[in-house]
N, C-alpha and C. Protein backbone atom coordinates (compact mmCIF):
# COMPACT_ATOMS: atom_id res chain seq x y z
N MET A 1 -49.15 -73.79 -162.44
CA MET A 1 -48.19 -74.85 -162.29
C MET A 1 -48.95 -76.16 -162.18
N SER A 2 -48.99 -76.94 -163.24
CA SER A 2 -49.78 -78.16 -163.22
C SER A 2 -49.03 -79.32 -162.54
N ASN A 3 -47.78 -79.52 -162.86
CA ASN A 3 -46.98 -80.57 -162.23
C ASN A 3 -45.74 -79.93 -161.62
N PRO A 4 -45.80 -79.54 -160.36
CA PRO A 4 -44.64 -78.88 -159.76
C PRO A 4 -43.47 -79.84 -159.63
N GLN A 5 -42.27 -79.29 -159.78
CA GLN A 5 -41.05 -80.08 -159.61
C GLN A 5 -40.85 -80.29 -158.12
N THR A 6 -40.52 -81.50 -157.72
CA THR A 6 -40.32 -81.80 -156.31
C THR A 6 -38.98 -82.48 -156.10
N ILE A 7 -38.57 -82.48 -154.86
CA ILE A 7 -37.36 -83.19 -154.45
C ILE A 7 -37.68 -83.86 -153.13
N LYS A 8 -37.20 -85.06 -152.93
CA LYS A 8 -37.46 -85.79 -151.69
C LYS A 8 -36.16 -85.93 -150.92
N LEU A 9 -36.19 -85.48 -149.68
CA LEU A 9 -35.05 -85.60 -148.77
C LEU A 9 -35.52 -86.37 -147.56
N GLY A 10 -35.03 -87.56 -147.42
CA GLY A 10 -35.51 -88.41 -146.33
C GLY A 10 -36.97 -88.73 -146.55
N LYS A 11 -37.79 -88.50 -145.55
CA LYS A 11 -39.22 -88.77 -145.65
C LYS A 11 -40.01 -87.56 -146.13
N ASN A 12 -39.35 -86.42 -146.28
CA ASN A 12 -40.03 -85.18 -146.67
C ASN A 12 -39.90 -84.91 -148.16
N GLU A 13 -41.00 -84.46 -148.76
CA GLU A 13 -41.00 -84.07 -150.16
C GLU A 13 -41.19 -82.56 -150.22
N TYR A 14 -40.35 -81.88 -150.99
CA TYR A 14 -40.37 -80.43 -151.10
C TYR A 14 -40.71 -80.03 -152.53
N VAL A 15 -41.42 -78.92 -152.65
CA VAL A 15 -41.75 -78.37 -153.97
C VAL A 15 -40.70 -77.33 -154.33
N ILE A 16 -40.21 -77.40 -155.56
CA ILE A 16 -39.23 -76.44 -156.05
C ILE A 16 -39.97 -75.43 -156.91
N LEU A 17 -39.76 -74.15 -156.62
CA LEU A 17 -40.42 -73.12 -157.41
C LEU A 17 -39.47 -71.96 -157.64
N PRO A 18 -39.71 -71.17 -158.68
CA PRO A 18 -38.85 -70.02 -158.96
C PRO A 18 -38.86 -69.03 -157.78
N LYS A 19 -37.73 -68.38 -157.58
CA LYS A 19 -37.60 -67.46 -156.45
C LYS A 19 -38.65 -66.36 -156.51
N ALA A 20 -38.95 -65.85 -157.69
CA ALA A 20 -39.96 -64.79 -157.82
C ALA A 20 -41.32 -65.28 -157.31
N GLU A 21 -41.65 -66.51 -157.61
CA GLU A 21 -42.91 -67.09 -157.14
C GLU A 21 -42.89 -67.26 -155.62
N TYR A 22 -41.75 -67.69 -155.09
CA TYR A 22 -41.59 -67.84 -153.65
C TYR A 22 -41.80 -66.50 -152.95
N ILE A 23 -41.20 -65.44 -153.48
CA ILE A 23 -41.33 -64.10 -152.89
C ILE A 23 -42.78 -63.63 -152.97
N ARG A 24 -43.43 -63.89 -154.11
CA ARG A 24 -44.84 -63.53 -154.26
C ARG A 24 -45.70 -64.25 -153.22
N LEU A 25 -45.44 -65.52 -153.02
CA LEU A 25 -46.22 -66.30 -152.04
C LEU A 25 -45.94 -65.82 -150.61
N GLN A 26 -44.69 -65.44 -150.34
CA GLN A 26 -44.36 -64.89 -149.02
C GLN A 26 -45.21 -63.66 -148.74
N GLY A 27 -45.31 -62.78 -149.75
CA GLY A 27 -46.11 -61.56 -149.60
C GLY A 27 -47.57 -61.88 -149.33
N MET A 28 -48.10 -62.87 -150.04
CA MET A 28 -49.49 -63.27 -149.84
C MET A 28 -49.72 -63.89 -148.47
N ALA A 29 -48.69 -64.54 -147.94
CA ALA A 29 -48.82 -65.21 -146.65
C ALA A 29 -48.71 -64.23 -145.48
N GLY A 30 -48.31 -63.00 -145.77
CA GLY A 30 -48.21 -62.00 -144.72
C GLY A 30 -47.03 -62.24 -143.80
N ILE A 31 -45.87 -62.59 -144.37
CA ILE A 31 -44.67 -62.80 -143.56
C ILE A 31 -44.31 -61.47 -142.91
N PRO A 32 -44.20 -61.44 -141.58
CA PRO A 32 -43.90 -60.18 -140.89
C PRO A 32 -42.56 -59.58 -141.28
N ALA A 33 -42.52 -58.26 -141.32
CA ALA A 33 -41.26 -57.56 -141.59
C ALA A 33 -40.25 -57.95 -140.52
N GLY A 34 -39.02 -58.09 -140.91
CA GLY A 34 -37.97 -58.45 -139.96
C GLY A 34 -37.78 -59.96 -139.82
N SER A 35 -38.63 -60.73 -140.50
CA SER A 35 -38.46 -62.18 -140.46
C SER A 35 -37.17 -62.55 -141.17
N VAL A 36 -36.59 -63.66 -140.77
CA VAL A 36 -35.36 -64.10 -141.41
C VAL A 36 -35.63 -65.35 -142.23
N ASP A 37 -34.82 -65.53 -143.24
CA ASP A 37 -34.90 -66.73 -144.07
C ASP A 37 -34.44 -67.91 -143.23
N ALA A 38 -35.24 -68.95 -143.19
CA ALA A 38 -34.94 -70.11 -142.36
C ALA A 38 -33.62 -70.77 -142.77
N THR A 39 -33.34 -70.84 -144.06
CA THR A 39 -32.12 -71.48 -144.52
C THR A 39 -30.90 -70.71 -144.05
N GLY A 40 -30.93 -69.40 -144.22
CA GLY A 40 -29.80 -68.58 -143.77
C GLY A 40 -29.60 -68.66 -142.27
N TYR A 41 -30.71 -68.64 -141.54
CA TYR A 41 -30.63 -68.72 -140.08
C TYR A 41 -30.04 -70.07 -139.66
N ALA A 42 -30.50 -71.15 -140.29
CA ALA A 42 -30.01 -72.49 -139.95
C ALA A 42 -28.52 -72.60 -140.25
N ARG A 43 -28.10 -72.11 -141.43
CA ARG A 43 -26.68 -72.17 -141.77
C ARG A 43 -25.83 -71.40 -140.77
N ALA A 44 -26.30 -70.21 -140.38
CA ALA A 44 -25.56 -69.40 -139.41
C ALA A 44 -25.49 -70.09 -138.05
N SER A 45 -26.59 -70.69 -137.64
CA SER A 45 -26.64 -71.39 -136.36
C SER A 45 -25.71 -72.60 -136.36
N ILE A 46 -25.78 -73.40 -137.42
CA ILE A 46 -24.90 -74.56 -137.53
C ILE A 46 -23.45 -74.11 -137.60
N GLY A 47 -23.19 -73.06 -138.36
CA GLY A 47 -21.84 -72.53 -138.48
C GLY A 47 -21.27 -72.09 -137.14
N ALA A 48 -22.10 -71.42 -136.35
CA ALA A 48 -21.65 -70.97 -135.02
C ALA A 48 -21.32 -72.17 -134.13
N THR A 49 -22.12 -73.23 -134.23
CA THR A 49 -21.86 -74.43 -133.44
C THR A 49 -20.57 -75.11 -133.89
N LEU A 50 -20.34 -75.15 -135.21
CA LEU A 50 -19.09 -75.74 -135.73
C LEU A 50 -17.87 -74.95 -135.25
N LYS A 51 -17.99 -73.63 -135.28
CA LYS A 51 -16.88 -72.78 -134.81
C LYS A 51 -16.64 -73.00 -133.32
N ALA A 52 -17.71 -73.07 -132.55
CA ALA A 52 -17.58 -73.30 -131.10
C ALA A 52 -16.91 -74.64 -130.82
N ALA A 53 -17.25 -75.66 -131.61
CA ALA A 53 -16.64 -76.98 -131.44
C ALA A 53 -15.14 -76.91 -131.72
N ARG A 54 -14.79 -76.25 -132.82
CA ARG A 54 -13.37 -76.13 -133.18
C ARG A 54 -12.61 -75.37 -132.11
N GLU A 55 -13.16 -74.25 -131.66
CA GLU A 55 -12.49 -73.45 -130.64
C GLU A 55 -12.42 -74.20 -129.31
N HIS A 56 -13.47 -74.95 -128.97
CA HIS A 56 -13.49 -75.75 -127.75
C HIS A 56 -12.35 -76.78 -127.76
N ALA A 57 -12.05 -77.30 -128.96
CA ALA A 57 -10.98 -78.29 -129.11
C ALA A 57 -9.59 -77.62 -129.21
N GLY A 58 -9.57 -76.29 -129.29
CA GLY A 58 -8.31 -75.57 -129.37
C GLY A 58 -7.64 -75.68 -130.73
N LEU A 59 -8.44 -75.89 -131.78
CA LEU A 59 -7.90 -76.02 -133.13
C LEU A 59 -8.07 -74.74 -133.93
N THR A 60 -7.15 -74.50 -134.85
CA THR A 60 -7.32 -73.42 -135.81
C THR A 60 -8.11 -73.98 -137.00
N GLN A 61 -8.59 -73.10 -137.85
CA GLN A 61 -9.27 -73.57 -139.06
C GLN A 61 -8.33 -74.41 -139.91
N THR A 62 -7.08 -74.01 -140.00
CA THR A 62 -6.09 -74.74 -140.80
C THR A 62 -5.86 -76.13 -140.24
N GLU A 63 -5.75 -76.25 -138.92
CA GLU A 63 -5.55 -77.56 -138.29
C GLU A 63 -6.75 -78.47 -138.51
N LEU A 64 -7.96 -77.91 -138.36
CA LEU A 64 -9.16 -78.70 -138.58
C LEU A 64 -9.26 -79.14 -140.04
N ALA A 65 -8.94 -78.22 -140.95
CA ALA A 65 -8.99 -78.54 -142.38
C ALA A 65 -8.05 -79.70 -142.69
N LYS A 66 -6.85 -79.67 -142.14
CA LYS A 66 -5.89 -80.75 -142.38
C LYS A 66 -6.42 -82.07 -141.83
N SER A 67 -7.00 -82.04 -140.65
CA SER A 67 -7.56 -83.24 -140.03
C SER A 67 -8.69 -83.84 -140.86
N LEU A 68 -9.50 -82.98 -141.48
CA LEU A 68 -10.65 -83.43 -142.26
C LEU A 68 -10.32 -83.64 -143.74
N LYS A 69 -9.09 -83.27 -144.13
CA LYS A 69 -8.69 -83.31 -145.55
C LYS A 69 -9.60 -82.40 -146.39
N LYS A 70 -9.84 -81.22 -145.84
CA LYS A 70 -10.62 -80.18 -146.52
C LYS A 70 -9.76 -78.93 -146.61
N SER A 71 -10.24 -77.92 -147.32
CA SER A 71 -9.49 -76.66 -147.41
C SER A 71 -9.89 -75.73 -146.26
N GLN A 72 -8.99 -74.83 -145.90
CA GLN A 72 -9.30 -73.85 -144.86
C GLN A 72 -10.46 -72.96 -145.29
N PRO A 73 -10.54 -72.52 -146.57
CA PRO A 73 -11.70 -71.72 -146.97
C PRO A 73 -13.03 -72.48 -146.82
N MET A 74 -12.99 -73.80 -146.99
CA MET A 74 -14.21 -74.58 -146.81
C MET A 74 -14.64 -74.55 -145.34
N ILE A 75 -13.68 -74.69 -144.44
CA ILE A 75 -13.97 -74.62 -143.00
C ILE A 75 -14.53 -73.25 -142.66
N SER A 76 -13.90 -72.20 -143.19
CA SER A 76 -14.36 -70.83 -142.95
C SER A 76 -15.79 -70.63 -143.45
N GLY A 77 -16.08 -71.12 -144.65
CA GLY A 77 -17.42 -70.99 -145.22
C GLY A 77 -18.47 -71.72 -144.40
N ALA A 78 -18.12 -72.90 -143.92
CA ALA A 78 -19.05 -73.67 -143.09
C ALA A 78 -19.33 -72.93 -141.79
N GLU A 79 -18.28 -72.41 -141.17
CA GLU A 79 -18.44 -71.68 -139.91
C GLU A 79 -19.16 -70.36 -140.11
N GLY A 80 -18.97 -69.75 -141.25
CA GLY A 80 -19.61 -68.46 -141.53
C GLY A 80 -21.03 -68.60 -142.06
N GLY A 81 -21.44 -69.84 -142.32
CA GLY A 81 -22.79 -70.07 -142.81
C GLY A 81 -22.99 -69.72 -144.27
N THR A 82 -21.89 -69.57 -145.01
CA THR A 82 -22.03 -69.19 -146.42
C THR A 82 -22.11 -70.40 -147.34
N ILE A 83 -21.82 -71.60 -146.80
CA ILE A 83 -21.96 -72.81 -147.59
C ILE A 83 -22.78 -73.83 -146.82
N SER A 84 -23.43 -74.70 -147.55
CA SER A 84 -24.20 -75.78 -146.93
C SER A 84 -23.26 -76.89 -146.48
N VAL A 85 -23.60 -77.51 -145.39
CA VAL A 85 -22.84 -78.67 -144.92
C VAL A 85 -23.80 -79.82 -144.66
N SER A 86 -23.29 -81.01 -144.77
CA SER A 86 -24.11 -82.21 -144.56
C SER A 86 -24.01 -82.68 -143.11
N ASP A 87 -24.90 -83.57 -142.76
CA ASP A 87 -24.83 -84.20 -141.43
C ASP A 87 -23.50 -84.92 -141.27
N ARG A 88 -23.04 -85.53 -142.35
CA ARG A 88 -21.77 -86.25 -142.33
C ARG A 88 -20.61 -85.31 -142.01
N TYR A 89 -20.64 -84.10 -142.59
CA TYR A 89 -19.58 -83.12 -142.32
C TYR A 89 -19.61 -82.70 -140.86
N VAL A 90 -20.81 -82.41 -140.34
CA VAL A 90 -20.94 -82.00 -138.93
C VAL A 90 -20.41 -83.10 -138.03
N SER A 91 -20.76 -84.35 -138.32
CA SER A 91 -20.28 -85.49 -137.52
C SER A 91 -18.76 -85.59 -137.57
N ALA A 92 -18.19 -85.36 -138.76
CA ALA A 92 -16.73 -85.43 -138.91
C ALA A 92 -16.03 -84.34 -138.10
N VAL A 93 -16.62 -83.13 -138.09
CA VAL A 93 -16.04 -82.03 -137.31
C VAL A 93 -16.08 -82.38 -135.82
N LEU A 94 -17.23 -82.84 -135.35
CA LEU A 94 -17.35 -83.19 -133.92
C LEU A 94 -16.37 -84.29 -133.54
N LYS A 95 -16.22 -85.27 -134.42
CA LYS A 95 -15.28 -86.37 -134.15
C LYS A 95 -13.85 -85.84 -134.11
N ALA A 96 -13.48 -84.99 -135.08
CA ALA A 96 -12.13 -84.41 -135.11
C ALA A 96 -11.85 -83.56 -133.88
N CYS A 97 -12.92 -82.97 -133.33
CA CYS A 97 -12.78 -82.13 -132.13
C CYS A 97 -12.93 -82.95 -130.85
N LYS A 98 -13.07 -84.28 -131.01
CA LYS A 98 -13.21 -85.20 -129.88
C LYS A 98 -14.42 -84.85 -129.00
N LEU A 99 -15.52 -84.55 -129.68
CA LEU A 99 -16.76 -84.21 -129.00
C LEU A 99 -17.83 -85.24 -129.35
N PRO A 100 -18.81 -85.44 -128.46
CA PRO A 100 -19.87 -86.40 -128.75
C PRO A 100 -20.75 -85.94 -129.92
N ALA A 101 -21.36 -86.88 -130.60
CA ALA A 101 -22.18 -86.59 -131.77
C ALA A 101 -23.36 -85.69 -131.43
N ASN A 102 -23.81 -85.68 -130.20
CA ASN A 102 -24.96 -84.86 -129.81
C ASN A 102 -24.55 -83.53 -129.17
N TRP A 103 -23.29 -83.14 -129.31
CA TRP A 103 -22.80 -81.89 -128.72
C TRP A 103 -23.49 -80.71 -129.39
N THR A 104 -23.98 -79.77 -128.58
CA THR A 104 -24.70 -78.62 -129.14
C THR A 104 -24.04 -77.29 -128.81
N GLY A 105 -22.93 -77.34 -128.14
CA GLY A 105 -22.22 -76.10 -127.81
C GLY A 105 -21.71 -76.16 -126.38
N PRO A 106 -20.80 -75.26 -126.06
CA PRO A 106 -20.26 -75.24 -124.70
C PRO A 106 -21.35 -74.89 -123.70
N LYS A 107 -21.30 -75.55 -122.58
CA LYS A 107 -22.29 -75.29 -121.53
C LYS A 107 -21.85 -74.10 -120.70
N SER A 108 -22.78 -73.22 -120.45
CA SER A 108 -22.50 -72.06 -119.62
C SER A 108 -22.57 -72.47 -118.15
N THR A 109 -21.66 -71.90 -117.36
CA THR A 109 -21.70 -72.14 -115.92
C THR A 109 -21.86 -70.80 -115.22
N LYS A 110 -22.36 -70.84 -114.00
CA LYS A 110 -22.53 -69.60 -113.24
C LYS A 110 -21.18 -68.91 -113.06
N ARG A 111 -20.13 -69.69 -112.79
CA ARG A 111 -18.81 -69.13 -112.58
C ARG A 111 -18.33 -68.40 -113.85
N THR A 112 -18.50 -69.03 -115.01
CA THR A 112 -18.10 -68.41 -116.27
C THR A 112 -18.93 -67.15 -116.52
N ASP A 113 -20.25 -67.23 -116.27
CA ASP A 113 -21.11 -66.07 -116.48
C ASP A 113 -20.71 -64.92 -115.56
N GLN A 114 -20.39 -65.24 -114.31
CA GLN A 114 -19.99 -64.20 -113.36
C GLN A 114 -18.67 -63.56 -113.79
N LYS A 115 -17.74 -64.40 -114.24
CA LYS A 115 -16.44 -63.88 -114.69
C LYS A 115 -16.63 -62.96 -115.89
N ASN A 116 -17.47 -63.36 -116.85
CA ASN A 116 -17.72 -62.54 -118.04
C ASN A 116 -18.43 -61.25 -117.69
N ALA A 117 -19.28 -61.28 -116.68
CA ALA A 117 -20.02 -60.07 -116.28
C ALA A 117 -19.06 -59.02 -115.72
N ARG A 118 -17.95 -59.47 -115.11
CA ARG A 118 -16.98 -58.54 -114.52
C ARG A 118 -16.08 -57.91 -115.59
N LEU A 119 -15.98 -58.55 -116.74
CA LEU A 119 -15.06 -58.05 -117.78
C LEU A 119 -15.56 -56.80 -118.43
C-alpha cells in the first residue's frame, strides 16, 4: 500500500483499509481471544446510555421519536447500537429528555442498590 486512503475526523487522521487486511493485522498484533470490536462496544455503550436517558425521562421510543422528528426504528437502532449516531443526535436526545449535556446515566444510590438486592 503506497498511498493509503485516509479520513480526518476532527484532529485525528485515520487510515482506511480493506477488512481482510484489518483482520490480518489483528492476527499479527496478537489480539487476545475474547476481545471485542471497539466500534461495536462503543455503539452498545452509547445506545445503553441513550435508552437509560429516555427511560429516566419516562418516554417511550415513539414519544422520543416524535419529539426529535425521527422514526421509532431509528430510535430503536440507536439504543440497540446497530446504527451510528452523531454527537448532535446524543445532545438532542439528552435535551429532549431534559437532561444535562454531560449526563452519563442514572446515579446509583445505596437505597436503590439495597432495594434491588432484596428483589
